[in-house]
Amino acid sequence: MKLRVRQVGQQGVALVVVLLFLVAVTGISVWTARQSMLAESMARNQIDQEAARQAAESALRDAERDIDNAAFGVKLANASCARNSSPVDDEGINIAEFTVGCTRGLCLKDDATYKDANWSMASASNTGVAEPWWPASKGGLWNDNEATKPGREPVTANNCDSFTGGVPLGTFTGVPPIRGVAKQPEYLVEVFLRKHVRMNIDETQVTSTGESANQWSTMYRVTARGFGYSTRTQVVLQTVFFP
């Protein structure tokens, strides 16, 4: 008895199906991995941004302490420097230590020059149309050269009287540096003189210090910038401080 063996041609369909399945699984795996990396990157950026924001908040509070303590003219514990005196005189009219170059972080830009501020024309070389707190690329006066400023770690008193630009955290107050950030936050202080501030029906004085309603009052605009884990991450905050 003879058996006849019939050969059936193999089309390779199973192999094609398996390969397509592997390609699909690989694509899904790659997509999932990329999504996970993107989510991690977004979370890391958000944490970095929050660290910079909190650092800027600390600098705002530090500037307020600096202004309040300036009248005493003494060097506080752990501070690198001391203010020579109160930034303004007893009448609050003649501004003593504020300069157009923001010496020791005290910036002077009178009302007449504010009309010339122009963001589109401002540049690193054209500071005449810039406000002090603008970025350095727009003519701001932060001064990113840390070597010209008093040190914080270790605390040093170099250039206390001549440094310009932003004041590093704790320079005049002695508060400890913030850990984990790429650079200590810093602040600039601008001064304004205004009348009839805080006046309403119930108030009879301009400030809580008993000044008359028609007297010039001193207020400060404080601008602080904080850094995250990288100096590329920056947050700028601003407040008006009215002692």
Protein backbone atom coordinates (compact mmCIF):
# COMPACT_ATOMS: atom_id res chain seq x y z
CA MET A 1 0.00 0.00 0.00
CA LYS A 2 1.45 3.26 -1.08
CA LEU A 3 0.89 6.47 0.83
CA ARG A 4 0.93 9.69 -1.03
CA VAL A 5 2.22 12.71 0.90
CA ARG A 6 0.78 15.99 -0.21
CA GLN A 7 2.92 19.05 0.42
CA VAL A 8 1.05 22.18 1.41
CA GLY A 9 2.71 25.49 0.62
CA GLN A 10 3.54 27.59 3.67
CA GLN A 11 2.42 31.18 3.33
CA GLY A 12 4.11 32.48 6.55
CA VAL A 13 0.90 34.16 7.81
CA ALA A 14 1.59 33.28 11.43
CA LEU A 15 5.03 34.86 11.26
CA VAL A 16 3.62 38.09 9.85
CA VAL A 17 0.94 38.23 12.55
CA VAL A 18 3.49 37.70 15.31
CA LEU A 19 5.78 40.38 13.89
CA LEU A 20 2.92 42.86 13.66
CA PHE A 21 1.95 42.02 17.22
CA LEU A 22 5.51 42.60 18.41
CA VAL A 23 5.66 45.93 16.58
CA ALA A 24 2.39 47.02 18.20
CA VAL A 25 3.55 45.98 21.66
CA THR A 26 6.87 47.75 21.16
CA GLY A 27 5.14 50.93 20.01
CA ILE A 28 2.80 50.92 23.00
CA SER A 29 5.74 50.33 25.35
CA VAL A 30 7.74 53.19 23.84
CA TRP A 31 4.74 55.53 24.01
CA THR A 32 4.11 54.59 27.65
CA ALA A 33 7.75 55.17 28.54
CA ARG A 34 7.76 58.56 26.83
CA GLN A 35 4.58 59.58 28.64
CA SER A 36 6.10 58.55 31.96
CA MET A 37 9.26 60.54 31.24
CA LEU A 38 7.16 63.55 30.19
CA ALA A 39 5.08 63.37 33.37
CA GLU A 40 8.24 63.08 35.47
CA SER A 41 9.78 66.05 33.67
CA MET A 42 6.64 68.14 34.19
CA ALA A 43 6.57 67.26 37.88
CA ARG A 44 10.25 68.10 38.24
CA ASN A 45 9.76 71.45 36.50
CA GLN A 46 6.80 72.24 38.72
CA ILE A 47 8.81 71.45 41.86
CA ASP A 48 11.67 73.55 40.54
CA GLN A 49 9.30 76.45 39.84
CA GLU A 50 7.77 76.18 43.31
CA ALA A 51 11.22 76.19 44.92
CA ALA A 52 12.06 79.38 43.02
CA ARG A 53 8.77 80.99 44.04
CA GLN A 54 9.28 80.21 47.71
CA ALA A 55 12.83 81.55 47.50
CA ALA A 56 11.51 84.80 46.02
CA GLU A 57 8.94 85.02 48.84
CA SER A 58 11.77 84.67 51.35
CA ALA A 59 13.65 87.51 49.66
CA LEU A 60 10.59 89.78 49.88
CA ARG A 61 10.32 89.18 53.63
CA ASP A 62 14.07 89.67 53.98
CA ALA A 63 13.85 93.06 52.25
CA GLU A 64 11.12 94.16 54.67
CA ARG A 65 13.33 93.20 57.61
CA ASP A 66 16.20 95.07 55.99
CA ILE A 67 14.11 98.25 55.68
CA ASP A 68 12.81 97.99 59.24
CA ASN A 69 16.28 97.40 60.68
CA ALA A 70 18.05 100.07 58.62
CA ALA A 71 17.20 102.85 61.07
CA PHE A 72 19.29 101.20 63.79
CA GLY A 73 22.51 101.32 61.74
CA VAL A 74 23.99 98.22 63.40
CA LYS A 75 25.24 94.94 61.99
CA LEU A 76 22.93 92.08 62.91
CA ALA A 77 24.20 88.66 63.96
CA ASN A 78 25.42 86.52 61.02
CA ALA A 79 24.87 89.41 58.61
CA SER A 80 27.57 90.24 56.09
CA CYS A 81 26.94 93.98 56.17
CA ALA A 82 25.06 96.74 57.99
CA ARG A 83 23.14 99.70 56.66
CA ASN A 84 24.76 103.00 57.52
CA SER A 85 21.50 104.60 58.56
CA SER A 86 17.86 104.82 57.73
CA PRO A 87 17.39 105.06 53.94
CA VAL A 88 15.49 108.34 54.35
CA ASP A 89 15.75 111.28 56.68
CA ASP A 90 13.37 112.10 59.50
CA GLU A 91 11.02 114.04 57.25
CA GLY A 92 10.95 111.32 54.62
CA ILE A 93 11.72 113.78 51.82
CA ASN A 94 15.47 113.86 51.15
CA ILE A 95 16.49 110.40 49.98
CA ALA A 96 20.01 109.71 51.13
CA GLU A 97 21.26 106.30 50.02
CA PHE A 98 19.20 105.46 46.93
CA THR A 99 21.14 105.76 43.66
CA VAL A 100 20.43 105.34 39.95
CA GLY A 101 22.95 102.49 39.91
CA CYS A 102 21.21 100.56 42.70
CA THR A 103 24.18 100.73 45.08
CA ARG A 104 23.66 98.24 47.93
CA GLY A 105 20.35 97.25 46.34
CA LEU A 106 18.74 100.68 46.80
CA CYS A 107 17.47 102.02 43.48
CA LEU A 108 16.45 105.57 42.64
CA LYS A 109 14.23 106.23 39.64
CA ASP A 110 12.26 109.40 40.06
CA ASP A 111 8.76 109.93 38.74
CA ALA A 112 9.94 112.10 35.84
CA THR A 113 12.00 109.29 34.30
CA TYR A 114 9.31 106.62 34.47
CA LYS A 115 7.65 108.04 31.38
CA ASP A 116 10.78 107.10 29.40
CA ALA A 117 10.59 103.39 30.33
CA ASN A 118 10.18 101.43 27.10
CA TRP A 119 10.45 97.64 27.04
CA SER A 120 10.83 97.46 23.25
CA MET A 121 13.79 99.86 23.24
CA ALA A 122 15.49 98.59 26.38
CA SER A 123 18.58 96.40 26.08
CA ALA A 124 21.66 95.43 28.04
CA SER A 125 23.46 98.48 26.66
CA ASN A 126 20.49 100.84 26.79
CA THR A 127 19.62 101.16 30.46
CA GLY A 128 18.21 104.68 30.23
CA VAL A 129 14.77 103.44 29.19
CA ALA A 130 14.65 100.47 31.58
CA GLU A 131 13.34 100.01 35.09
CA PRO A 132 15.85 98.62 37.60
CA TRP A 133 14.02 95.34 38.18
CA TRP A 134 13.80 94.36 34.51
CA PRO A 135 16.01 91.47 33.29
CA ALA A 136 19.65 92.24 32.60
CA SER A 137 19.02 91.69 28.88
CA LYS A 138 16.51 94.55 29.06
CA GLY A 139 18.75 96.93 30.95
CA GLY A 140 17.91 95.78 34.47
CA LEU A 141 20.38 96.42 37.27
CA TRP A 142 20.48 93.09 39.10
CA ASN A 143 24.25 92.62 38.56
CA ASP A 144 24.82 88.88 38.08
CA ASN A 145 28.51 89.08 38.96
CA GLU A 146 28.49 87.40 42.38
CA ALA A 147 32.19 88.10 42.91
CA THR A 148 31.39 91.80 43.41
CA LYS A 149 28.87 91.16 46.21
CA PRO A 150 29.30 90.27 49.90
CA GLY A 151 29.54 86.55 50.49
CA ARG A 152 27.02 84.48 52.41
CA GLU A 153 28.77 81.11 52.68
CA PRO A 154 31.11 81.82 54.30
CA VAL A 155 29.89 85.18 55.49
CA THR A 156 32.23 87.93 54.28
CA ALA A 157 32.02 91.70 54.44
CA ASN A 158 33.69 92.41 51.11
CA ASN A 159 32.28 95.31 49.08
CA CYS A 160 29.63 96.18 51.65
CA ASP A 161 29.70 99.85 50.73
CA SER A 162 30.23 99.64 46.99
CA PHE A 163 28.43 96.63 45.56
CA THR A 164 25.55 97.24 43.18
CA GLY A 165 22.50 95.29 42.13
CA GLY A 166 20.41 92.69 43.89
CA VAL A 167 21.00 92.06 47.59
CA PRO A 168 21.55 88.34 48.34
CA LEU A 169 19.31 86.88 51.03
CA GLY A 170 20.57 87.65 54.54
CA THR A 171 23.25 90.15 53.56
CA PHE A 172 21.87 92.80 55.92
CA THR A 173 19.67 90.64 58.15
CA GLY A 174 21.76 87.53 58.82
CA VAL A 175 19.03 85.00 57.98
CA PRO A 176 20.52 81.63 56.98
CA PRO A 177 20.94 80.79 53.28
CA ILE A 178 18.37 78.61 51.56
CA ARG A 179 19.59 75.09 50.93
CA GLY A 180 19.23 73.26 47.65
CA VAL A 181 18.80 76.19 45.28
CA ALA A 182 21.29 77.05 42.55
CA LYS A 183 21.66 80.63 43.77
CA GLN A 184 20.45 82.59 46.77
CA PRO A 185 17.41 84.82 46.09
CA GLU A 186 17.96 88.55 45.99
CA TYR A 187 16.01 91.78 46.01
CA LEU A 188 16.03 95.40 44.86
CA VAL A 189 14.34 98.24 46.74
CA GLU A 190 12.91 101.36 45.09
CA VAL A 191 11.61 104.32 47.09
CA PHE A 192 8.54 106.46 46.43
CA LEU A 193 7.23 109.55 48.19
CA ARG A 194 3.46 109.97 48.22
CA LYS A 195 0.86 112.06 50.01
CA HIS A 196 -2.54 111.05 51.32
CA VAL A 197 -1.72 107.36 51.36
CA ARG A 198 -4.22 105.10 53.18
CA MET A 199 -6.69 107.93 53.61
CA ASN A 200 -10.40 107.15 53.86
CA ILE A 201 -13.35 108.35 55.89
CA ASP A 202 -12.29 106.55 59.05
CA GLU A 203 -8.58 107.40 58.96
CA THR A 204 -7.12 110.68 60.16
CA GLN A 205 -3.43 109.82 59.76
CA VAL A 206 -1.33 108.75 56.80
CA THR A 207 0.64 106.07 58.61
CA SER A 208 0.62 104.26 61.90
CA THR A 209 3.50 106.42 63.16
CA GLY A 210 1.31 109.45 63.75
CA GLU A 211 2.26 111.47 60.68
CA SER A 212 -0.16 114.14 59.55
CA ALA A 213 -2.42 113.66 56.57
CA ASN A 214 -0.64 116.28 54.47
CA GLN A 215 2.88 114.98 55.08
CA TRP A 216 4.96 113.13 52.54
CA SER A 217 4.98 109.41 53.24
CA THR A 218 7.70 106.98 52.27
CA MET A 219 6.85 103.67 50.61
CA TYR A 220 9.04 101.07 48.99
CA ARG A 221 8.59 98.83 46.00
CA VAL A 222 10.48 95.62 46.59
CA THR A 223 11.26 93.29 43.70
CA ALA A 224 12.65 89.86 44.48
CA ARG A 225 13.81 87.07 42.22
CA GLY A 226 14.23 83.51 43.35
CA PHE A 227 16.09 80.63 41.71
CA GLY A 228 15.25 76.96 41.63
CA TYR A 229 17.55 73.99 41.34
CA SER A 230 18.88 75.64 38.18
CA THR A 231 19.63 79.31 37.55
CA ARG A 232 17.51 79.01 34.43
CA THR A 233 14.45 78.67 36.65
CA GLN A 234 13.58 82.11 37.99
CA VAL A 235 10.51 83.62 39.62
CA VAL A 236 10.16 87.38 40.09
CA LEU A 237 7.76 88.75 42.73
CA GLN A 238 6.99 92.32 43.63
CA THR A 239 5.31 94.07 46.53
CA VAL A 240 4.84 97.57 47.91
CA PHE A 241 6.00 97.92 51.50
CA PHE A 242 4.59 100.75 53.58
CA PRO A 243 6.19 100.76 57.06
